[in-house]
């Protein structure tokens, strides 16, 4: 089976250098790295939002050859920031995720429920808190029903309850065969993903199962901290 998401020699001057990877269907992938390591840059390149040297592959097909509307059916992107210029109701913003399908209804109610937004469905997005707005953009990504989901720091602004719901959502999408890439700053949470990617100064320095990649030596080298491993303190992510 071909990789769901692949990269061959991705490079952005001063930001990424020679990134090569293959991510399979059904994988939950944590993307880690210190500030400025290139995480957001890599995710934007993989999403087709930023030009780069090299090749991006979606389901084995070069991204350059995939029509724009088809891209919207295959991949959903959630950025770090959830900014809205217009006061559309939450329901209408989530329905925008159906644009590539020419269908503004299917899956919208389920996406609102999954992100605990039903009570806010008729409220203007400009009247929401930062965490609530971020849940709206996650719901919009979910409504696309795209098999590849790229979420850049999706839990950074969320309270504990809603952060756990996002992890549960990632689990469910992967269990259904999707590929979910989530950038994180919580190294402990990354141990509960299937695969970890570690970026350092634009280079991919770790790629594999969490316990094989996130060693004390790598954490010291990349994050400049000393790590002590206490298994009972590694948090279990919800199923």
C-alpha atoms as a PDB file:
ATOM      1  CA  UNK A   1       0.000   0.000   0.000  1.00  0.00           C
ATOM      2  CA  UNK A   2       1.369   3.420  -0.935  1.00  0.00           C
ATOM      3  CA  UNK A   3       1.978   6.043   1.713  1.00  0.00           C
ATOM      4  CA  UNK A   4      -0.880   8.405   2.455  1.00  0.00           C
ATOM      5  CA  UNK A   5       1.506  11.351   2.725  1.00  0.00           C
ATOM      6  CA  UNK A   6       5.068  11.489   1.461  1.00  0.00           C
ATOM      7  CA  UNK A   7       7.940  13.927   1.000  1.00  0.00           C
ATOM      8  CA  UNK A   8      11.073  13.673  -1.102  1.00  0.00           C
ATOM      9  CA  UNK A   9      13.905  16.097  -0.447  1.00  0.00           C
ATOM     10  CA  UNK A  10      11.788  18.989   0.802  1.00  0.00           C
ATOM     11  CA  UNK A  11      13.775  22.167   1.297  1.00  0.00           C
ATOM     12  CA  UNK A  12      12.919  25.791   2.034  1.00  0.00           C
ATOM     13  CA  UNK A  13      16.007  28.028   2.274  1.00  0.00           C
ATOM     14  CA  UNK A  14      16.736  28.804   5.908  1.00  0.00           C
ATOM     15  CA  UNK A  15      13.743  26.816   7.152  1.00  0.00           C
ATOM     16  CA  UNK A  16      13.792  23.187   5.937  1.00  0.00           C
ATOM     17  CA  UNK A  17      16.589  20.972   4.680  1.00  0.00           C
ATOM     18  CA  UNK A  18      16.206  17.691   2.782  1.00  0.00           C
ATOM     19  CA  UNK A  19      13.124  16.283   4.520  1.00  0.00           C
ATOM     20  CA  UNK A  20      12.162  12.791   3.375  1.00  0.00           C
ATOM     21  CA  UNK A  21       9.272  10.827   4.888  1.00  0.00           C
ATOM     22  CA  UNK A  22       6.385   8.432   4.273  1.00  0.00           C
ATOM     23  CA  UNK A  23       3.312   8.328   6.506  1.00  0.00           C
ATOM     24  CA  UNK A  24       0.823   5.507   6.153  1.00  0.00           C
ATOM     25  CA  UNK A  25      -2.963   5.250   6.368  1.00  0.00           C
ATOM     26  CA  UNK A  26      -4.205   4.811   9.916  1.00  0.00           C
ATOM     27  CA  UNK A  27      -1.209   6.513  11.523  1.00  0.00           C
ATOM     28  CA  UNK A  28      -1.340   9.064  14.344  1.00  0.00           C
ATOM     29  CA  UNK A  29       1.789  11.160  13.970  1.00  0.00           C
ATOM     30  CA  UNK A  30       3.200  13.654  16.477  1.00  0.00           C
ATOM     31  CA  UNK A  31       5.454  16.383  15.079  1.00  0.00           C
ATOM     32  CA  UNK A  32       7.861  17.781  17.667  1.00  0.00           C
ATOM     33  CA  UNK A  33      10.648  20.325  17.782  1.00  0.00           C
ATOM     34  CA  UNK A  34      11.681  23.487  19.597  1.00  0.00           C
ATOM     35  CA  UNK A  35      10.376  26.879  18.548  1.00  0.00           C
ATOM     36  CA  UNK A  36      11.694  27.780  15.116  1.00  0.00           C
ATOM     37  CA  UNK A  37      12.563  24.180  14.223  1.00  0.00           C
ATOM     38  CA  UNK A  38      10.400  24.267  11.081  1.00  0.00           C
ATOM     39  CA  UNK A  39       7.257  22.434  12.222  1.00  0.00           C
ATOM     40  CA  UNK A  40       4.746  24.912  10.805  1.00  0.00           C
ATOM     41  CA  UNK A  41       6.816  25.301   7.646  1.00  0.00           C
ATOM     42  CA  UNK A  42       6.848  21.545   7.059  1.00  0.00           C
ATOM     43  CA  UNK A  43       3.113  21.242   7.631  1.00  0.00           C
ATOM     44  CA  UNK A  44       2.378  24.111   5.252  1.00  0.00           C
ATOM     45  CA  UNK A  45       4.578  22.554   2.567  1.00  0.00           C
ATOM     46  CA  UNK A  46       2.897  19.169   3.026  1.00  0.00           C
ATOM     47  CA  UNK A  47      -0.492  20.893   2.767  1.00  0.00           C
ATOM     48  CA  UNK A  48       0.471  22.611  -0.490  1.00  0.00           C
ATOM     49  CA  UNK A  49       0.275  26.078   1.050  1.00  0.00           C
ATOM     50  CA  UNK A  50       3.967  26.915   0.761  1.00  0.00           C
ATOM     51  CA  UNK A  51       6.316  26.306  -2.132  1.00  0.00           C
ATOM     52  CA  UNK A  52       9.465  24.258  -1.624  1.00  0.00           C
ATOM     53  CA  UNK A  53      12.129  22.332  -3.441  1.00  0.00           C
ATOM     54  CA  UNK A  54      11.451  18.609  -3.678  1.00  0.00           C
ATOM     55  CA  UNK A  55       8.217  16.653  -4.069  1.00  0.00           C
ATOM     56  CA  UNK A  56       5.116  16.220  -1.923  1.00  0.00           C
ATOM     57  CA  UNK A  57       3.056  13.078  -2.487  1.00  0.00           C
ATOM     58  CA  UNK A  58      -0.561  12.559  -1.472  1.00  0.00           C
ATOM     59  CA  UNK A  59      -1.646   8.919  -1.662  1.00  0.00           C
ATOM     60  CA  UNK A  60       1.275   8.247  -3.972  1.00  0.00           C
ATOM     61  CA  UNK A  61       0.452  11.082  -6.386  1.00  0.00           C
ATOM     62  CA  UNK A  62       2.602  14.214  -6.770  1.00  0.00           C
ATOM     63  CA  UNK A  63       0.749  17.141  -5.266  1.00  0.00           C
ATOM     64  CA  UNK A  64       1.438  19.316  -8.303  1.00  0.00           C
ATOM     65  CA  UNK A  65      -0.783  17.051 -10.406  1.00  0.00           C
ATOM     66  CA  UNK A  66      -3.797  17.059  -8.073  1.00  0.00           C
ATOM     67  CA  UNK A  67      -6.591  19.528  -9.023  1.00  0.00           C
ATOM     68  CA  UNK A  68      -7.468  22.164  -6.446  1.00  0.00           C
ATOM     69  CA  UNK A  69     -10.933  20.845  -5.582  1.00  0.00           C
ATOM     70  CA  UNK A  70      -9.599  17.317  -5.258  1.00  0.00           C
ATOM     71  CA  UNK A  71      -6.998  18.626  -2.807  1.00  0.00           C
ATOM     72  CA  UNK A  72      -9.837  19.855  -0.614  1.00  0.00           C
ATOM     73  CA  UNK A  73     -11.298  16.366  -0.542  1.00  0.00           C
ATOM     74  CA  UNK A  74      -8.018  14.651   0.325  1.00  0.00           C
ATOM     75  CA  UNK A  75      -6.420  16.884   2.959  1.00  0.00           C
ATOM     76  CA  UNK A  76      -7.521  19.290   5.682  1.00  0.00           C
ATOM     77  CA  UNK A  77      -5.230  21.813   7.342  1.00  0.00           C
ATOM     78  CA  UNK A  78      -5.634  23.542  10.704  1.00  0.00           C
ATOM     79  CA  UNK A  79      -3.237  26.401  11.383  1.00  0.00           C
ATOM     80  CA  UNK A  80      -1.969  27.596  14.762  1.00  0.00           C
ATOM     81  CA  UNK A  81      -4.108  30.721  14.611  1.00  0.00           C
ATOM     82  CA  UNK A  82      -7.895  30.858  14.284  1.00  0.00           C
ATOM     83  CA  UNK A  83      -8.623  34.336  12.965  1.00  0.00           C
ATOM     84  CA  UNK A  84     -11.911  35.410  11.414  1.00  0.00           C
ATOM     85  CA  UNK A  85     -12.563  38.732   9.702  1.00  0.00           C
ATOM     86  CA  UNK A  86     -16.317  38.304   9.286  1.00  0.00           C
ATOM     87  CA  UNK A  87     -19.007  37.453  11.826  1.00  0.00           C
ATOM     88  CA  UNK A  88     -20.324  34.291  10.192  1.00  0.00           C
ATOM     89  CA  UNK A  89     -22.267  31.907  12.441  1.00  0.00           C
ATOM     90  CA  UNK A  90     -20.239  28.945  13.666  1.00  0.00           C
ATOM     91  CA  UNK A  91     -22.419  26.530  11.694  1.00  0.00           C
ATOM     92  CA  UNK A  92     -21.666  28.343   8.410  1.00  0.00           C
ATOM     93  CA  UNK A  93     -17.925  28.344   9.087  1.00  0.00           C
ATOM     94  CA  UNK A  94     -17.933  24.602   9.742  1.00  0.00           C
ATOM     95  CA  UNK A  95     -19.999  24.073   6.570  1.00  0.00           C
ATOM     96  CA  UNK A  96     -17.196  25.720   4.575  1.00  0.00           C
ATOM     97  CA  UNK A  97     -15.392  22.412   5.008  1.00  0.00           C
ATOM     98  CA  UNK A  98     -17.842  20.920   2.500  1.00  0.00           C
ATOM     99  CA  UNK A  99     -16.982  23.387  -0.283  1.00  0.00           C
ATOM    100  CA  UNK A 100     -14.843  20.930  -2.259  1.00  0.00           C
ATOM    101  CA  UNK A 101     -17.737  18.460  -2.249  1.00  0.00           C
ATOM    102  CA  UNK A 102     -20.357  21.003  -3.377  1.00  0.00           C
ATOM    103  CA  UNK A 103     -22.367  19.921  -0.347  1.00  0.00           C
ATOM    104  CA  UNK A 104     -22.789  22.216   2.654  1.00  0.00           C
ATOM    105  CA  UNK A 105     -24.706  19.863   4.937  1.00  0.00           C
ATOM    106  CA  UNK A 106     -23.232  16.376   5.159  1.00  0.00           C
ATOM    107  CA  UNK A 107     -21.175  15.812   8.274  1.00  0.00           C
ATOM    108  CA  UNK A 108     -21.598  19.341   9.658  1.00  0.00           C
ATOM    109  CA  UNK A 109     -23.844  18.350  12.578  1.00  0.00           C
ATOM    110  CA  UNK A 110     -21.486  15.515  13.501  1.00  0.00           C
ATOM    111  CA  UNK A 111     -18.473  17.851  13.380  1.00  0.00           C
ATOM    112  CA  UNK A 112     -20.206  20.377  15.646  1.00  0.00           C
ATOM    113  CA  UNK A 113     -21.021  17.624  18.121  1.00  0.00           C
ATOM    114  CA  UNK A 114     -17.510  16.167  18.031  1.00  0.00           C
ATOM    115  CA  UNK A 115     -15.975  19.525  19.035  1.00  0.00           C
ATOM    116  CA  UNK A 116     -18.675  20.420  21.590  1.00  0.00           C
ATOM    117  CA  UNK A 117     -19.953  23.325  19.497  1.00  0.00           C
ATOM    118  CA  UNK A 118     -23.661  22.586  19.239  1.00  0.00           C
ATOM    119  CA  UNK A 119     -24.591  25.256  21.771  1.00  0.00           C
ATOM    120  CA  UNK A 120     -22.489  27.802  19.866  1.00  0.00           C
ATOM    121  CA  UNK A 121     -23.665  26.876  16.360  1.00  0.00           C
ATOM    122  CA  UNK A 122     -25.596  30.117  15.764  1.00  0.00           C
ATOM    123  CA  UNK A 123     -23.132  32.444  17.485  1.00  0.00           C
ATOM    124  CA  UNK A 124     -20.870  34.692  15.345  1.00  0.00           C
ATOM    125  CA  UNK A 125     -17.323  33.323  15.312  1.00  0.00           C
ATOM    126  CA  UNK A 126     -15.977  36.786  16.089  1.00  0.00           C
ATOM    127  CA  UNK A 127     -17.753  36.621  19.471  1.00  0.00           C
ATOM    128  CA  UNK A 128     -15.941  33.470  20.610  1.00  0.00           C
ATOM    129  CA  UNK A 129     -12.925  32.984  22.826  1.00  0.00           C
ATOM    130  CA  UNK A 130      -9.617  31.888  21.321  1.00  0.00           C
ATOM    131  CA  UNK A 131     -10.112  28.286  22.377  1.00  0.00           C
ATOM    132  CA  UNK A 132     -13.657  28.210  21.020  1.00  0.00           C
ATOM    133  CA  UNK A 133     -12.495  29.609  17.666  1.00  0.00           C
ATOM    134  CA  UNK A 134      -9.837  26.915  17.475  1.00  0.00           C
ATOM    135  CA  UNK A 135     -12.473  24.252  18.010  1.00  0.00           C
ATOM    136  CA  UNK A 136     -14.420  25.794  15.129  1.00  0.00           C
ATOM    137  CA  UNK A 137     -11.513  25.423  12.692  1.00  0.00           C
ATOM    138  CA  UNK A 138     -10.977  21.847  13.879  1.00  0.00           C
ATOM    139  CA  UNK A 139     -14.658  21.134  13.248  1.00  0.00           C
ATOM    140  CA  UNK A 140     -14.356  22.645   9.772  1.00  0.00           C
ATOM    141  CA  UNK A 141     -11.417  20.323   9.055  1.00  0.00           C
ATOM    142  CA  UNK A 142     -13.387  17.355  10.360  1.00  0.00           C
ATOM    143  CA  UNK A 143     -16.350  18.253   8.137  1.00  0.00           C
ATOM    144  CA  UNK A 144     -14.175  17.861   5.042  1.00  0.00           C
ATOM    145  CA  UNK A 145     -13.984  14.122   5.776  1.00  0.00           C
ATOM    146  CA  UNK A 146     -10.511  14.299   4.243  1.00  0.00           C
ATOM    147  CA  UNK A 147      -8.385  11.187   4.869  1.00  0.00           C
ATOM    148  CA  UNK A 148      -5.293  13.303   5.602  1.00  0.00           C
ATOM    149  CA  UNK A 149      -5.502  15.778   8.474  1.00  0.00           C
ATOM    150  CA  UNK A 150      -2.712  18.205   9.412  1.00  0.00           C
ATOM    151  CA  UNK A 151      -3.267  20.033  12.710  1.00  0.00           C
ATOM    152  CA  UNK A 152      -0.692  22.610  13.808  1.00  0.00           C
ATOM    153  CA  UNK A 153      -0.693  22.865  17.628  1.00  0.00           C
ATOM    154  CA  UNK A 154      -4.427  22.112  17.899  1.00  0.00           C
ATOM    155  CA  UNK A 155      -4.523  21.907  21.708  1.00  0.00           C
ATOM    156  CA  UNK A 156      -2.340  24.907  22.578  1.00  0.00           C
ATOM    157  CA  UNK A 157      -5.336  27.142  23.412  1.00  0.00           C
ATOM    158  CA  UNK A 158      -7.708  24.482  24.718  1.00  0.00           C
ATOM    159  CA  UNK A 159      -8.631  23.594  28.263  1.00  0.00           C
ATOM    160  CA  UNK A 160      -7.880  20.086  29.515  1.00  0.00           C
ATOM    161  CA  UNK A 161     -11.282  18.637  28.689  1.00  0.00           C
ATOM    162  CA  UNK A 162     -11.350  19.841  25.102  1.00  0.00           C
ATOM    163  CA  UNK A 163      -7.694  18.950  24.538  1.00  0.00           C
ATOM    164  CA  UNK A 164      -8.500  15.364  25.521  1.00  0.00           C
ATOM    165  CA  UNK A 165     -11.448  15.412  23.111  1.00  0.00           C
ATOM    166  CA  UNK A 166      -9.097  16.446  20.296  1.00  0.00           C
ATOM    167  CA  UNK A 167      -6.811  13.505  21.073  1.00  0.00           C
ATOM    168  CA  UNK A 168      -9.827  11.188  21.073  1.00  0.00           C
ATOM    169  CA  UNK A 169     -10.862  12.594  17.709  1.00  0.00           C
ATOM    170  CA  UNK A 170      -7.400  11.945  16.277  1.00  0.00           C
ATOM    171  CA  UNK A 171      -7.628   8.357  17.533  1.00  0.00           C
ATOM    172  CA  UNK A 172     -11.008   7.815  15.897  1.00  0.00           C
ATOM    173  CA  UNK A 173      -9.883   9.251  12.564  1.00  0.00           C
ATOM    174  CA  UNK A 174      -6.808   7.044  12.518  1.00  0.00           C
ATOM    175  CA  UNK A 175      -8.830   3.978  13.530  1.00  0.00           C
ATOM    176  CA  UNK A 176     -11.021   4.668  10.485  1.00  0.00           C
ATOM    177  CA  UNK A 177      -7.956   4.660   8.214  1.00  0.00           C
ATOM    178  CA  UNK A 178      -7.076   8.348   8.188  1.00  0.00           C
ATOM    179  CA  UNK A 179      -3.624   9.860   8.616  1.00  0.00           C
ATOM    180  CA  UNK A 180      -3.459  12.514  11.333  1.00  0.00           C
ATOM    181  CA  UNK A 181      -0.370  14.684  11.855  1.00  0.00           C
ATOM    182  CA  UNK A 182      -0.420  16.818  15.010  1.00  0.00           C
ATOM    183  CA  UNK A 183       2.307  19.249  16.006  1.00  0.00           C
ATOM    184  CA  UNK A 184       2.872  19.365  19.763  1.00  0.00           C
ATOM    185  CA  UNK A 185       5.044  20.846  22.479  1.00  0.00           C
ATOM    186  CA  UNK A 186       4.096  18.210  25.061  1.00  0.00           C
ATOM    187  CA  UNK A 187       6.752  15.517  24.677  1.00  0.00           C
ATOM    188  CA  UNK A 188       4.948  13.259  27.141  1.00  0.00           C
ATOM    189  CA  UNK A 189       1.786  13.219  25.040  1.00  0.00           C
ATOM    190  CA  UNK A 190       3.800  12.238  21.958  1.00  0.00           C
ATOM    191  CA  UNK A 191       4.588   8.832  23.463  1.00  0.00           C
ATOM    192  CA  UNK A 192       0.969   7.822  22.864  1.00  0.00           C
ATOM    193  CA  UNK A 193       1.129   8.394  19.106  1.00  0.00           C
ATOM    194  CA  UNK A 194       2.062   5.741  16.558  1.00  0.00           C
ATOM    195  CA  UNK A 195       4.948   7.712  15.106  1.00  0.00           C
ATOM    196  CA  UNK A 196       7.001  10.712  16.109  1.00  0.00           C
ATOM    197  CA  UNK A 197       8.739  13.153  13.776  1.00  0.00           C
ATOM    198  CA  UNK A 198      11.343  15.424  15.360  1.00  0.00           C
ATOM    199  CA  UNK A 199      12.628  18.546  13.633  1.00  0.00           C
ATOM    200  CA  UNK A 200      15.709  20.473  14.706  1.00  0.00           C
ATOM    201  CA  UNK A 201      16.818  23.593  12.817  1.00  0.00           C
ATOM    202  CA  UNK A 202      14.943  22.491   9.714  1.00  0.00           C
ATOM    203  CA  UNK A 203      16.297  18.948   9.632  1.00  0.00           C
ATOM    204  CA  UNK A 204      14.319  15.784  10.346  1.00  0.00           C
ATOM    205  CA  UNK A 205      16.394  14.183  13.109  1.00  0.00           C
ATOM    206  CA  UNK A 206      13.875  11.629  14.372  1.00  0.00           C
ATOM    207  CA  UNK A 207      11.283   9.493  12.603  1.00  0.00           C
ATOM    208  CA  UNK A 208       9.780   6.361  14.082  1.00  0.00           C
ATOM    209  CA  UNK A 209       7.989   4.847  17.088  1.00  0.00           C
ATOM    210  CA  UNK A 210       8.018   7.233  20.075  1.00  0.00           C
ATOM    211  CA  UNK A 211       9.985   5.011  22.465  1.00  0.00           C
ATOM    212  CA  UNK A 212      12.632   4.437  19.817  1.00  0.00           C
ATOM    213  CA  UNK A 213      12.958   8.101  18.851  1.00  0.00           C
ATOM    214  CA  UNK A 214      12.432  10.077  22.053  1.00  0.00           C
ATOM    215  CA  UNK A 215      15.508   8.930  23.902  1.00  0.00           C
ATOM    216  CA  UNK A 216      17.278  10.899  26.613  1.00  0.00           C
ATOM    217  CA  UNK A 217      20.102  11.648  24.168  1.00  0.00           C
ATOM    218  CA  UNK A 218      17.773  13.056  21.497  1.00  0.00           C
ATOM    219  CA  UNK A 219      15.817  15.125  24.009  1.00  0.00           C
ATOM    220  CA  UNK A 220      19.054  16.537  25.361  1.00  0.00           C
ATOM    221  CA  UNK A 221      20.406  17.313  21.885  1.00  0.00           C
ATOM    222  CA  UNK A 222      17.235  18.829  20.398  1.00  0.00           C
ATOM    223  CA  UNK A 223      15.400  20.360  23.349  1.00  0.00           C
ATOM    224  CA  UNK A 224      18.441  21.149  25.528  1.00  0.00           C
ATOM    225  CA  UNK A 225      16.929  19.544  28.628  1.00  0.00           C
ATOM    226  CA  UNK A 226      17.777  16.496  30.681  1.00  0.00           C
ATOM    227  CA  UNK A 227      15.061  13.820  30.675  1.00  0.00           C
ATOM    228  CA  UNK A 228      14.331  11.273  33.369  1.00  0.00           C
ATOM    229  CA  UNK A 229      12.023   8.468  32.289  1.00  0.00           C
ATOM    230  CA  UNK A 230       9.350   7.468  34.799  1.00  0.00           C
ATOM    231  CA  UNK A 231       6.851   5.276  32.873  1.00  0.00           C
ATOM    232  CA  UNK A 232       4.058   5.652  35.405  1.00  0.00           C
ATOM    233  CA  UNK A 233       4.120   9.422  34.856  1.00  0.00           C
ATOM    234  CA  UNK A 234       3.661   9.274  31.078  1.00  0.00           C
ATOM    235  CA  UNK A 235       0.005  10.257  30.615  1.00  0.00           C
ATOM    236  CA  UNK A 236      -2.366   7.884  28.888  1.00  0.00           C
ATOM    237  CA  UNK A 237      -4.224   9.532  26.031  1.00  0.00           C
ATOM    238  CA  UNK A 238      -7.911   8.637  25.835  1.00  0.00           C
ATOM    239  CA  UNK A 239      -9.038   5.984  23.393  1.00  0.00           C
END
